[in-house]
Each structure stands twice: as C-alpha cells, then as structure tokens.
Amino acid sequence: QKHHDLTGYYDELLDNTVLDKMVLDNLISRCIIMIEDREEIIKPTTQRERNKVLLDILTERPYSTFHLFRDVLQKSEPSNSCVQELVKRMMRTKSRDEHISCQGHEI
C-alpha cells in the first residue's frame, strides 16, 4: 500500500474529531467521497467508528486526499481548539496532492 499523508494523523483524527454531515457534504462536493461512501460512513453507531470508516475510505483512495481533507476539516470546526491545532500541524506537512481534478476541473 502506498504511503498516505493522512496516516500520520490517523489516531488523532479518529479520537478527536467529529466528522459529521457538514464534513461529509464538503467532501462530496469536492469529489473526495461519493454519496454511496456517506451511506457506509453513517452506518456505525459511535462517532469513532464513523470516523474510522471515513478515514479508511480516504486512505484507500489511489490518490492523496490530504490537503483537501485538511481544508474541509479546518472550515468545519473553527471553534474546536483541538481540531484547529491538529490542522495547523497538518499544514506543515508537505503534501503530494497539489493537483486533483474533479470531472475535468482542477479543485
């Protein structure tokens, strides 16, 4: 399996974030996940389990989703200091996913 930028933050994202409807809608609108993915993500009963399903989907993508996910996360929880601190550390991570296209358009 190819190294993925999100793996270094996996446990923190799993335990400290609420990857909720707003996050999922943003990821869908940016073509990072599909509506079918959301249906799988919302099935588990606990937030941690839902986070795990989403993170597993993101890390299994054949392309890096790191900077797009980081941007969505930053916008979704502006008042959560734990999440914003994590996002700041993620900002310092050099990402390899500078150009991803969504239906032929650069994101």
N, C-alpha and C. Protein backbone atom coordinates (compact mmCIF):
# COMPACT_ATOMS: atom_id res chain seq x y z
N GLN A 1 0.85 -1.20 0.00
CA GLN A 1 0.00 0.00 0.00
C GLN A 1 0.88 1.24 0.00
N LYS A 2 0.56 2.17 -0.83
CA LYS A 2 1.29 3.42 -0.97
C LYS A 2 1.16 4.25 0.31
N HIS A 3 2.26 4.92 0.68
CA HIS A 3 2.23 5.78 1.86
C HIS A 3 1.19 6.88 1.65
N HIS A 4 0.45 7.17 2.68
CA HIS A 4 -0.60 8.18 2.59
C HIS A 4 -0.37 9.23 3.65
N ASP A 5 -0.47 10.51 3.28
CA ASP A 5 -0.21 11.61 4.20
C ASP A 5 -1.10 11.59 5.44
N LEU A 6 -2.31 11.07 5.33
CA LEU A 6 -3.23 11.08 6.47
C LEU A 6 -2.84 10.08 7.56
N THR A 7 -2.04 9.07 7.22
CA THR A 7 -1.77 8.01 8.20
C THR A 7 -1.06 8.54 9.44
N GLY A 8 -0.25 9.56 9.33
CA GLY A 8 0.43 10.11 10.49
C GLY A 8 -0.51 10.78 11.47
N TYR A 9 -1.70 11.10 11.04
CA TYR A 9 -2.68 11.79 11.88
C TYR A 9 -3.89 10.91 12.19
N TYR A 10 -3.83 9.67 11.74
CA TYR A 10 -4.99 8.78 11.79
C TYR A 10 -5.60 8.67 13.19
N ASP A 11 -4.77 8.34 14.19
CA ASP A 11 -5.30 8.12 15.54
C ASP A 11 -5.92 9.39 16.12
N GLU A 12 -5.25 10.52 15.92
CA GLU A 12 -5.80 11.78 16.43
C GLU A 12 -7.12 12.13 15.75
N LEU A 13 -7.17 11.94 14.44
CA LEU A 13 -8.41 12.22 13.71
C LEU A 13 -9.52 11.28 14.18
N LEU A 14 -9.15 10.05 14.43
CA LEU A 14 -10.12 9.05 14.87
C LEU A 14 -10.75 9.45 16.20
N ASP A 15 -9.92 9.92 17.14
CA ASP A 15 -10.38 10.15 18.51
C ASP A 15 -10.84 11.57 18.79
N ASN A 16 -10.35 12.56 18.06
CA ASN A 16 -10.56 13.95 18.45
C ASN A 16 -11.41 14.78 17.51
N THR A 17 -11.97 14.18 16.49
CA THR A 17 -12.74 14.97 15.53
C THR A 17 -14.16 14.42 15.40
N VAL A 18 -15.05 15.31 15.01
CA VAL A 18 -16.42 14.93 14.71
C VAL A 18 -16.59 15.12 13.21
N LEU A 19 -16.41 14.03 12.48
CA LEU A 19 -16.52 14.09 11.03
C LEU A 19 -18.00 13.88 10.70
N ASP A 20 -18.72 15.00 10.74
CA ASP A 20 -20.18 14.98 10.69
C ASP A 20 -20.73 15.28 9.30
N LYS A 21 -22.02 15.58 9.25
CA LYS A 21 -22.71 15.84 7.98
C LYS A 21 -22.04 16.96 7.20
N MET A 22 -21.64 18.03 7.88
CA MET A 22 -21.01 19.15 7.18
C MET A 22 -19.70 18.72 6.51
N VAL A 23 -18.90 17.95 7.24
CA VAL A 23 -17.64 17.45 6.68
C VAL A 23 -17.93 16.54 5.50
N LEU A 24 -18.86 15.62 5.66
CA LEU A 24 -19.18 14.69 4.58
C LEU A 24 -19.71 15.42 3.35
N ASP A 25 -20.61 16.38 3.55
CA ASP A 25 -21.14 17.15 2.43
C ASP A 25 -20.04 17.91 1.69
N ASN A 26 -19.11 18.49 2.45
CA ASN A 26 -17.99 19.19 1.83
C ASN A 26 -17.10 18.23 1.04
N LEU A 27 -16.85 17.06 1.59
CA LEU A 27 -16.02 16.07 0.89
C LEU A 27 -16.71 15.59 -0.38
N ILE A 28 -18.03 15.43 -0.33
CA ILE A 28 -18.79 15.03 -1.53
C ILE A 28 -18.74 16.14 -2.57
N SER A 29 -18.93 17.38 -2.15
CA SER A 29 -18.95 18.50 -3.11
C SER A 29 -17.59 18.68 -3.78
N ARG A 30 -16.52 18.23 -3.12
CA ARG A 30 -15.18 18.34 -3.71
C ARG A 30 -14.75 17.05 -4.41
N CYS A 31 -15.69 16.12 -4.55
CA CYS A 31 -15.44 14.84 -5.23
C CYS A 31 -14.39 13.98 -4.52
N ILE A 32 -14.27 14.14 -3.22
CA ILE A 32 -13.32 13.32 -2.46
C ILE A 32 -13.98 12.00 -2.06
N ILE A 33 -15.26 12.07 -1.70
CA ILE A 33 -16.03 10.86 -1.46
C ILE A 33 -17.31 10.94 -2.27
N MET A 34 -17.98 9.78 -2.39
CA MET A 34 -19.23 9.73 -3.14
C MET A 34 -20.40 9.60 -2.16
N ILE A 35 -21.59 9.83 -2.65
CA ILE A 35 -22.79 9.69 -1.81
C ILE A 35 -22.87 8.28 -1.24
N GLU A 36 -22.50 7.28 -2.05
CA GLU A 36 -22.51 5.90 -1.57
C GLU A 36 -21.55 5.72 -0.40
N ASP A 37 -20.41 6.43 -0.43
CA ASP A 37 -19.47 6.37 0.69
C ASP A 37 -20.12 6.90 1.96
N ARG A 38 -20.85 8.01 1.83
CA ARG A 38 -21.50 8.59 3.00
C ARG A 38 -22.46 7.58 3.64
N GLU A 39 -23.18 6.83 2.82
CA GLU A 39 -24.11 5.84 3.36
C GLU A 39 -23.38 4.80 4.21
N GLU A 40 -22.18 4.41 3.79
CA GLU A 40 -21.37 3.48 4.58
C GLU A 40 -20.85 4.14 5.86
N ILE A 41 -20.46 5.40 5.74
CA ILE A 41 -19.86 6.14 6.86
C ILE A 41 -20.85 6.34 7.99
N ILE A 42 -22.11 6.60 7.67
CA ILE A 42 -23.08 6.93 8.73
C ILE A 42 -23.71 5.69 9.38
N LYS A 43 -23.40 4.49 8.89
CA LYS A 43 -23.98 3.27 9.47
C LYS A 43 -23.56 3.01 10.92
N PRO A 44 -22.27 3.12 11.27
CA PRO A 44 -21.87 2.80 12.65
C PRO A 44 -22.56 3.71 13.67
N THR A 45 -22.66 3.22 14.90
CA THR A 45 -23.39 3.96 15.93
C THR A 45 -22.54 4.97 16.68
N THR A 46 -21.22 4.76 16.76
CA THR A 46 -20.39 5.72 17.50
C THR A 46 -19.63 6.64 16.55
N GLN A 47 -19.30 7.83 17.05
CA GLN A 47 -18.55 8.79 16.24
C GLN A 47 -17.20 8.22 15.84
N ARG A 48 -16.53 7.55 16.77
CA ARG A 48 -15.20 6.98 16.48
C ARG A 48 -15.29 5.97 15.33
N GLU A 49 -16.30 5.12 15.35
CA GLU A 49 -16.47 4.14 14.27
C GLU A 49 -16.76 4.82 12.93
N ARG A 50 -17.59 5.87 12.97
CA ARG A 50 -17.88 6.61 11.73
C ARG A 50 -16.60 7.27 11.21
N ASN A 51 -15.82 7.86 12.12
CA ASN A 51 -14.55 8.47 11.72
C ASN A 51 -13.65 7.43 11.06
N LYS A 52 -13.60 6.23 11.64
CA LYS A 52 -12.74 5.18 11.11
C LYS A 52 -13.14 4.81 9.68
N VAL A 53 -14.44 4.66 9.44
CA VAL A 53 -14.89 4.31 8.09
C VAL A 53 -14.46 5.39 7.10
N LEU A 54 -14.66 6.67 7.46
CA LEU A 54 -14.26 7.76 6.57
C LEU A 54 -12.76 7.77 6.34
N LEU A 55 -11.98 7.68 7.41
CA LEU A 55 -10.52 7.72 7.27
C LEU A 55 -10.01 6.55 6.45
N ASP A 56 -10.61 5.37 6.64
CA ASP A 56 -10.21 4.21 5.84
C ASP A 56 -10.52 4.43 4.36
N ILE A 57 -11.67 5.02 4.06
CA ILE A 57 -12.01 5.34 2.67
C ILE A 57 -10.99 6.31 2.09
N LEU A 58 -10.67 7.37 2.84
CA LEU A 58 -9.73 8.38 2.35
C LEU A 58 -8.34 7.79 2.12
N THR A 59 -7.88 6.94 3.04
CA THR A 59 -6.52 6.40 2.89
C THR A 59 -6.45 5.31 1.84
N GLU A 60 -7.59 4.75 1.44
CA GLU A 60 -7.60 3.73 0.39
C GLU A 60 -7.71 4.33 -1.01
N ARG A 61 -7.94 5.62 -1.11
CA ARG A 61 -8.03 6.25 -2.43
C ARG A 61 -6.69 6.09 -3.15
N PRO A 62 -6.72 5.91 -4.47
CA PRO A 62 -5.47 5.76 -5.22
C PRO A 62 -4.71 7.08 -5.37
N TYR A 63 -5.29 8.16 -4.91
CA TYR A 63 -4.65 9.48 -4.96
C TYR A 63 -4.71 10.06 -3.55
N SER A 64 -3.85 11.02 -3.29
CA SER A 64 -3.83 11.62 -1.96
C SER A 64 -4.98 12.61 -1.80
N THR A 65 -5.63 12.54 -0.66
CA THR A 65 -6.75 13.44 -0.36
C THR A 65 -6.38 14.41 0.75
N PHE A 66 -5.11 14.42 1.11
CA PHE A 66 -4.66 15.10 2.32
C PHE A 66 -5.04 16.57 2.40
N HIS A 67 -4.59 17.38 1.42
CA HIS A 67 -4.80 18.83 1.59
C HIS A 67 -6.28 19.21 1.46
N LEU A 68 -7.03 18.49 0.66
CA LEU A 68 -8.47 18.78 0.55
C LEU A 68 -9.20 18.43 1.84
N PHE A 69 -8.87 17.28 2.41
CA PHE A 69 -9.49 16.88 3.68
C PHE A 69 -9.10 17.86 4.79
N ARG A 70 -7.85 18.26 4.82
CA ARG A 70 -7.37 19.21 5.83
C ARG A 70 -8.14 20.53 5.73
N ASP A 71 -8.35 21.02 4.52
CA ASP A 71 -9.08 22.28 4.33
C ASP A 71 -10.54 22.15 4.78
N VAL A 72 -11.17 21.03 4.45
CA VAL A 72 -12.55 20.79 4.87
C VAL A 72 -12.62 20.73 6.40
N LEU A 73 -11.68 20.05 7.01
CA LEU A 73 -11.65 19.92 8.46
C LEU A 73 -11.48 21.29 9.13
N GLN A 74 -10.61 22.10 8.58
CA GLN A 74 -10.36 23.43 9.15
C GLN A 74 -11.63 24.28 9.13
N LYS A 75 -12.37 24.23 8.04
CA LYS A 75 -13.59 25.04 7.91
C LYS A 75 -14.75 24.48 8.74
N SER A 76 -14.73 23.19 9.01
CA SER A 76 -15.89 22.57 9.66
C SER A 76 -15.91 22.76 11.17
N GLU A 77 -14.75 22.93 11.79
CA GLU A 77 -14.73 23.06 13.25
C GLU A 77 -13.87 24.24 13.69
N PRO A 78 -14.23 25.47 13.31
CA PRO A 78 -13.39 26.63 13.61
C PRO A 78 -13.26 26.92 15.10
N SER A 79 -14.22 26.48 15.91
CA SER A 79 -14.16 26.79 17.34
C SER A 79 -13.59 25.64 18.18
N ASN A 80 -13.23 24.54 17.55
CA ASN A 80 -12.67 23.40 18.28
C ASN A 80 -11.15 23.54 18.29
N SER A 81 -10.58 23.90 19.44
CA SER A 81 -9.15 24.19 19.51
C SER A 81 -8.30 22.95 19.24
N CYS A 82 -8.76 21.76 19.64
CA CYS A 82 -8.01 20.53 19.37
C CYS A 82 -7.90 20.29 17.86
N VAL A 83 -9.02 20.47 17.18
CA VAL A 83 -9.04 20.26 15.73
C VAL A 83 -8.18 21.31 15.03
N GLN A 84 -8.29 22.56 15.46
CA GLN A 84 -7.52 23.62 14.80
C GLN A 84 -6.01 23.44 15.03
N GLU A 85 -5.63 22.96 16.20
CA GLU A 85 -4.21 22.68 16.46
C GLU A 85 -3.73 21.54 15.56
N LEU A 86 -4.55 20.52 15.41
CA LEU A 86 -4.22 19.41 14.53
C LEU A 86 -4.10 19.90 13.08
N VAL A 87 -5.03 20.74 12.65
CA VAL A 87 -4.99 21.30 11.29
C VAL A 87 -3.70 22.10 11.09
N LYS A 88 -3.29 22.87 12.10
CA LYS A 88 -2.04 23.65 11.98
C LYS A 88 -0.85 22.73 11.76
N ARG A 89 -0.82 21.62 12.49
CA ARG A 89 0.28 20.66 12.29
C ARG A 89 0.19 20.03 10.91
N MET A 90 -1.03 19.75 10.46
CA MET A 90 -1.22 19.18 9.13
C MET A 90 -0.76 20.16 8.05
N MET A 91 -0.92 21.46 8.31
CA MET A 91 -0.50 22.49 7.34
C MET A 91 1.01 22.43 7.10
N ARG A 92 1.75 22.00 8.11
CA ARG A 92 3.21 21.94 7.99
C ARG A 92 3.67 20.68 7.26
N THR A 93 2.76 19.76 7.01
CA THR A 93 3.09 18.54 6.29
C THR A 93 3.08 18.81 4.79
N LYS A 94 4.17 18.50 4.15
CA LYS A 94 4.25 18.68 2.70
C LYS A 94 3.37 17.64 2.03
N SER A 95 2.47 18.09 1.23
CA SER A 95 1.52 17.19 0.58
C SER A 95 1.90 16.96 -0.88
N ARG A 96 1.60 15.75 -1.35
CA ARG A 96 1.89 15.42 -2.75
C ARG A 96 0.66 15.55 -3.64
N ASP A 97 -0.43 16.06 -3.11
CA ASP A 97 -1.68 16.06 -3.88
C ASP A 97 -2.05 17.45 -4.37
N GLU A 98 -1.11 18.13 -4.95
CA GLU A 98 -1.34 19.52 -5.34
C GLU A 98 -2.39 19.67 -6.44
N HIS A 99 -2.48 18.72 -7.35
CA HIS A 99 -3.41 18.89 -8.47
C HIS A 99 -4.31 17.66 -8.60
N ILE A 100 -5.51 17.79 -8.14
CA ILE A 100 -6.51 16.73 -8.29
C ILE A 100 -7.64 17.32 -9.13
N SER A 101 -8.09 16.57 -10.11
CA SER A 101 -9.19 17.11 -10.90
C SER A 101 -10.48 16.39 -10.56
N CYS A 102 -11.55 17.12 -10.64
CA CYS A 102 -12.89 16.60 -10.34
C CYS A 102 -13.71 16.80 -11.61
N GLN A 103 -14.00 15.72 -12.28
CA GLN A 103 -14.75 15.78 -13.54
C GLN A 103 -14.11 16.77 -14.51
N GLY A 104 -12.77 16.70 -14.59
CA GLY A 104 -12.06 17.53 -15.55
C GLY A 104 -11.73 18.93 -15.08
N HIS A 105 -12.14 19.30 -13.87
CA HIS A 105 -11.86 20.63 -13.34
C HIS A 105 -10.87 20.53 -12.20
N GLU A 106 -9.91 21.43 -12.17
CA GLU A 106 -8.99 21.47 -11.04
C GLU A 106 -9.74 21.89 -9.79
N ILE A 107 -9.36 21.32 -8.67
CA ILE A 107 -10.01 21.67 -7.40
C ILE A 107 -9.14 22.69 -6.69
